[in-house]
Amino acid sequence: MTDPVYRTILLFDIEQYGSRDDVEQAFLRRLLYDLVDTTLLAADVDETARLRADRGDSVMELIDTQVSVPALVKTLLTETIALLHNKNRLIATSAQMRLRIVVSSGYVAVDELDGWVGSDLNHAVRLLNSDPLRDALKQRDGDCVLCVSDGIYQGVVRHGPLGVRPDDFHRITVETKEGPTVAWLHGDPGGAGSPAGSADPRAASDAPTAAQRSETWVGGNLYGNTGGTHHGDQKFDFGGSEQGESR
């Protein structure tokens, strides 16, 4: 096994992919690849600074730490949302794509079977498949929902880099066997069609804090966060139950 390497982890997962027929699934995969490539190009992520893994209904990107995380988050909140909306408005409702997106970070290693392993990677996948993200996407009119790990929030988002508003994120807590883990979900905690950040948690002096209002506890398993490394002849397998199966 190679030594773990620290990377930014970017995950995309298509909602209700399994309910589509083969033709629709093939179309959605092409749509997703184009969206991810355009997003990373807009965030100035060079081809040599990223590594992709395909999991059928989802895509994983491990991104070199030299790439600006603030620029990546800003791009996801602007370019990605606009691009997905523009694509969906031109295709039939049955073929439209809605996404759950996670930005995390941590260590990953390559094992003797050329698979990516690491508790940080497991953690990111658990966030992607968590009920708070699934529920948020179901409740909103938009085409996607974005979640960042606590590390990304504390290190990047809460400082308010240009184009990223910390108040537009609310805290969620996912309960695991190892204890609760915190992440941050972009958009109105009330869901259902309200524009992200439209509600001001400080509007009423006797209102609960943003964290109190928006904490969500769900059952399930979850482990740490990762990054990764790659050599040209490596192959990757994300089918194992260690990293969770998309529903």
Protein backbone atom coordinates (compact mmCIF):
# COMPACT_ATOMS: atom_id res chain seq x y z
CA MET A 1 0.00 0.00 0.00
CA THR A 2 1.27 3.48 -0.83
CA ASP A 3 1.61 6.14 1.82
CA PRO A 4 -1.55 8.22 2.31
CA VAL A 5 -1.54 11.56 0.49
CA TYR A 6 -3.65 14.59 1.41
CA ARG A 7 -6.15 15.78 -1.23
CA THR A 8 -9.35 17.78 -1.67
CA ILE A 9 -12.24 15.36 -2.26
CA LEU A 10 -15.05 16.36 -4.61
CA LEU A 11 -18.05 14.04 -5.03
CA PHE A 12 -21.11 14.21 -7.30
CA ASP A 13 -24.07 11.82 -7.15
CA ILE A 14 -27.12 11.70 -9.44
CA GLU A 15 -30.51 11.56 -7.73
CA GLN A 16 -32.78 8.59 -8.64
CA TYR A 17 -30.28 7.23 -11.14
CA GLY A 18 -31.41 3.63 -10.60
CA SER A 19 -34.99 4.43 -11.59
CA ARG A 20 -33.91 5.43 -15.14
CA ASP A 21 -33.64 3.05 -18.08
CA ASP A 22 -30.32 2.25 -19.77
CA VAL A 23 -30.62 4.97 -22.40
CA GLU A 24 -31.37 7.64 -19.79
CA GLN A 25 -28.54 6.43 -17.56
CA ALA A 26 -26.04 6.63 -20.41
CA PHE A 27 -27.24 10.14 -21.20
CA LEU A 28 -26.98 11.22 -17.56
CA ARG A 29 -23.44 9.90 -17.29
CA ARG A 30 -22.35 11.95 -20.31
CA LEU A 31 -24.11 14.96 -18.84
CA LEU A 32 -22.38 14.48 -15.48
CA TYR A 33 -18.92 14.10 -17.03
CA ASP A 34 -19.39 17.31 -19.02
CA LEU A 35 -20.62 19.16 -15.93
CA VAL A 36 -17.69 18.03 -13.78
CA ASP A 37 -15.11 18.80 -16.48
CA THR A 38 -16.57 22.27 -17.05
CA THR A 39 -16.70 22.95 -13.32
CA LEU A 40 -13.06 22.04 -12.79
CA LEU A 41 -11.97 23.99 -15.84
CA ALA A 42 -13.78 27.05 -14.49
CA ALA A 43 -12.04 26.55 -11.13
CA ASP A 44 -8.63 26.45 -12.89
CA VAL A 45 -8.00 22.81 -12.00
CA ASP A 46 -5.43 21.43 -14.42
CA GLU A 47 -5.80 17.87 -15.73
CA THR A 48 -2.54 16.93 -14.01
CA ALA A 49 -3.90 18.11 -10.64
CA ARG A 50 -6.96 15.82 -10.55
CA LEU A 51 -7.80 12.15 -10.59
CA ARG A 52 -11.27 10.77 -11.37
CA ALA A 53 -13.04 7.64 -10.24
CA ASP A 54 -16.32 6.54 -11.82
CA ARG A 55 -18.93 4.84 -9.64
CA GLY A 56 -21.74 4.62 -12.18
CA ASP A 57 -24.24 7.09 -10.77
CA SER A 58 -21.53 9.21 -9.17
CA VAL A 59 -18.11 10.68 -9.87
CA MET A 60 -15.25 11.22 -7.45
CA GLU A 61 -12.42 13.68 -8.01
CA LEU A 62 -9.27 13.80 -5.92
CA ILE A 63 -7.70 17.23 -6.37
CA ASP A 64 -4.16 18.37 -5.59
CA THR A 65 -3.81 20.64 -2.58
CA GLN A 66 -2.20 23.35 -4.73
CA VAL A 67 -5.64 24.02 -6.22
CA SER A 68 -7.53 26.85 -4.49
CA VAL A 69 -10.37 25.44 -2.38
CA PRO A 70 -12.10 28.86 -2.11
CA ALA A 71 -12.13 29.08 -5.91
CA LEU A 72 -13.53 25.55 -6.15
CA VAL A 73 -16.35 26.24 -3.66
CA LYS A 74 -17.19 29.53 -5.38
CA THR A 75 -17.33 27.79 -8.75
CA LEU A 76 -19.68 25.11 -7.40
CA LEU A 77 -22.01 27.81 -6.03
CA THR A 78 -22.06 29.81 -9.26
CA GLU A 79 -20.87 28.18 -12.47
CA THR A 80 -21.99 24.64 -11.61
CA ILE A 81 -25.48 25.64 -10.53
CA ALA A 82 -25.97 27.83 -13.60
CA LEU A 83 -24.59 25.19 -15.96
CA LEU A 84 -26.81 22.45 -14.55
CA HIS A 85 -29.87 24.69 -14.76
CA ASN A 86 -29.16 25.60 -18.37
CA LYS A 87 -28.68 21.96 -19.34
CA ASN A 88 -31.86 20.81 -17.61
CA ARG A 89 -34.05 23.50 -19.14
CA LEU A 90 -33.25 22.20 -22.62
CA ILE A 91 -34.11 18.54 -22.02
CA ALA A 92 -37.21 16.55 -21.14
CA THR A 93 -38.18 16.33 -17.48
CA SER A 94 -37.59 12.57 -17.42
CA ALA A 95 -33.98 13.10 -18.53
CA GLN A 96 -33.11 15.99 -16.21
CA MET A 97 -30.31 15.55 -13.69
CA ARG A 98 -30.32 16.59 -10.03
CA LEU A 99 -27.17 16.26 -7.95
CA ARG A 100 -25.86 15.92 -4.44
CA ILE A 101 -22.37 17.45 -4.18
CA VAL A 102 -19.82 17.11 -1.36
CA VAL A 103 -16.50 18.89 -0.83
CA SER A 104 -14.25 17.35 1.79
CA SER A 105 -10.55 16.71 2.35
CA GLY A 106 -8.11 14.30 3.95
CA TYR A 107 -5.76 11.39 3.37
CA VAL A 108 -6.05 8.47 0.97
CA ALA A 109 -3.79 5.57 0.07
CA VAL A 110 -3.71 3.10 -2.83
CA ASP A 111 -3.84 -0.55 -1.74
CA GLU A 112 -2.41 -3.65 -3.42
CA LEU A 113 -5.58 -3.98 -5.52
CA ASP A 114 -5.21 -0.40 -6.80
CA GLY A 115 -8.21 0.71 -4.76
CA TRP A 116 -8.43 3.97 -2.84
CA VAL A 117 -8.69 3.44 0.90
CA GLY A 118 -8.88 5.70 3.93
CA SER A 119 -11.27 6.70 6.68
CA ASP A 120 -11.39 10.24 5.29
CA LEU A 121 -12.65 8.93 1.97
CA ASN A 122 -15.28 6.83 3.74
CA HIS A 123 -16.39 9.91 5.64
CA ALA A 124 -16.88 11.93 2.45
CA VAL A 125 -18.91 9.15 0.84
CA ARG A 126 -21.08 8.85 3.96
CA LEU A 127 -21.83 12.56 3.75
CA LEU A 128 -22.76 12.19 0.09
CA ASN A 129 -25.22 9.41 0.91
CA SER A 130 -26.56 10.91 4.13
CA ASP A 131 -30.25 11.54 4.72
CA PRO A 132 -29.85 15.32 5.28
CA LEU A 133 -28.48 15.73 1.75
CA ARG A 134 -31.10 13.45 0.21
CA ASP A 135 -33.90 15.21 2.07
CA ALA A 136 -32.60 18.68 1.20
CA LEU A 137 -32.55 17.87 -2.51
CA LYS A 138 -36.06 16.43 -2.35
CA GLN A 139 -37.39 19.51 -0.58
CA ARG A 140 -35.84 22.11 -2.87
CA ASP A 141 -36.81 23.33 -6.30
CA GLY A 142 -33.19 23.70 -7.40
CA ASP A 143 -31.16 21.17 -9.36
CA CYS A 144 -28.48 20.42 -6.77
CA VAL A 145 -27.46 20.64 -3.14
CA LEU A 146 -23.95 21.26 -1.79
CA CYS A 147 -22.46 20.02 1.48
CA VAL A 148 -18.97 20.74 2.81
CA SER A 149 -17.17 18.92 5.58
CA ASP A 150 -16.53 20.68 8.87
CA GLY A 151 -12.86 20.97 7.95
CA ILE A 152 -13.68 22.76 4.69
CA TYR A 153 -16.18 25.01 6.45
CA GLN A 154 -13.87 25.97 9.31
CA GLY A 155 -10.79 26.36 7.11
CA VAL A 156 -12.37 28.09 4.12
CA VAL A 157 -16.08 28.92 4.13
CA ARG A 158 -16.44 30.62 7.52
CA HIS A 159 -13.82 33.18 6.54
CA GLY A 160 -16.05 34.41 3.72
CA PRO A 161 -13.76 34.26 0.68
CA LEU A 162 -14.91 36.31 -2.30
CA GLY A 163 -18.11 34.81 -3.70
CA VAL A 164 -18.81 32.53 -0.69
CA ARG A 165 -21.21 33.62 2.07
CA PRO A 166 -20.84 31.69 5.37
CA ASP A 167 -24.39 32.63 6.42
CA ASP A 168 -25.74 30.65 3.47
CA PHE A 169 -24.53 27.42 5.09
CA HIS A 170 -26.17 25.68 8.04
CA ARG A 171 -24.82 22.99 10.30
CA ILE A 172 -25.95 19.37 10.13
CA THR A 173 -24.89 16.54 12.41
CA VAL A 174 -24.76 12.94 11.26
CA GLU A 175 -24.75 10.29 13.98
CA THR A 176 -22.32 7.41 13.46
CA LYS A 177 -20.99 4.39 15.35
CA GLU A 178 -17.93 6.46 16.23
CA GLY A 179 -20.07 9.38 17.39
CA PRO A 180 -21.59 12.47 15.75
CA THR A 181 -19.85 14.15 12.83
CA VAL A 182 -20.55 17.71 11.73
CA ALA A 183 -20.92 19.05 8.18
CA TRP A 184 -22.37 22.18 6.60
CA LEU A 185 -25.21 22.29 4.06
CA HIS A 186 -25.65 25.19 1.67
CA GLY A 187 -29.07 26.76 1.37
CA ASP A 188 -32.20 27.43 3.39
CA PRO A 189 -32.60 24.80 6.15
CA GLY A 190 -36.35 24.96 5.56
CA GLY A 191 -35.83 23.55 2.07
CA ALA A 192 -38.80 23.82 -0.29
CA GLY A 193 -37.94 26.30 -2.93
CA SER A 194 -36.63 29.18 -0.84
CA PRO A 195 -33.56 30.89 -2.30
CA ALA A 196 -30.33 29.99 -0.53
CA GLY A 197 -29.54 32.43 2.22
CA SER A 198 -32.92 34.18 2.00
CA ALA A 199 -33.70 33.60 5.65
CA ASP A 200 -31.74 35.62 8.18
CA PRO A 201 -31.21 33.59 11.38
CA ARG A 202 -30.74 36.84 13.30
CA ALA A 203 -34.09 38.30 12.21
CA ALA A 204 -35.71 37.76 15.62
CA SER A 205 -33.88 38.26 18.89
CA ASP A 206 -35.65 35.34 20.52
CA ALA A 207 -35.08 32.96 17.59
CA PRO A 208 -32.83 29.92 18.07
CA THR A 209 -29.34 30.13 16.66
CA ALA A 210 -28.65 28.92 13.12
CA ALA A 211 -26.89 25.84 14.46
CA GLN A 212 -29.78 25.01 16.81
CA ARG A 213 -32.41 25.38 14.11
CA SER A 214 -30.55 23.45 11.47
CA GLU A 215 -28.93 20.54 13.30
CA THR A 216 -30.09 17.25 11.86
CA TRP A 217 -29.41 13.86 13.43
CA VAL A 218 -29.55 10.72 11.32
CA GLY A 219 -28.63 7.11 11.87
CA GLY A 220 -25.99 5.30 9.84
CA ASN A 221 -22.32 4.57 9.66
CA LEU A 222 -19.62 7.10 8.94
CA TYR A 223 -15.85 7.18 9.13
CA GLY A 224 -13.17 9.90 8.58
CA ASN A 225 -12.15 12.21 5.28
CA THR A 226 -9.40 11.62 2.31
CA GLY A 227 -7.35 12.67 -0.63
CA GLY A 228 -5.39 10.55 -3.08
CA THR A 229 -2.56 9.85 -5.41
CA HIS A 230 -2.37 8.17 -8.80
CA HIS A 231 0.01 6.45 -11.16
CA GLY A 232 -0.79 5.94 -14.84
CA ASP A 233 -1.24 2.17 -14.62
CA GLN A 234 -3.49 2.18 -11.57
CA LYS A 235 -7.10 1.05 -11.57
CA PHE A 236 -9.70 1.93 -8.98
CA ASP A 237 -12.61 0.05 -7.47
CA PHE A 238 -15.23 1.82 -5.43
CA GLY A 239 -17.79 -0.97 -5.40
CA GLY A 240 -17.01 -2.17 -1.88
CA SER A 241 -19.39 -1.70 1.02
CA GLU A 242 -16.64 0.07 2.98
CA GLN A 243 -17.40 3.27 1.11
CA GLY A 244 -21.17 2.90 0.99
CA GLU A 245 -23.57 2.22 -1.83
CA SER A 246 -25.59 4.99 -3.46
CA ARG A 247 -29.31 4.63 -3.23
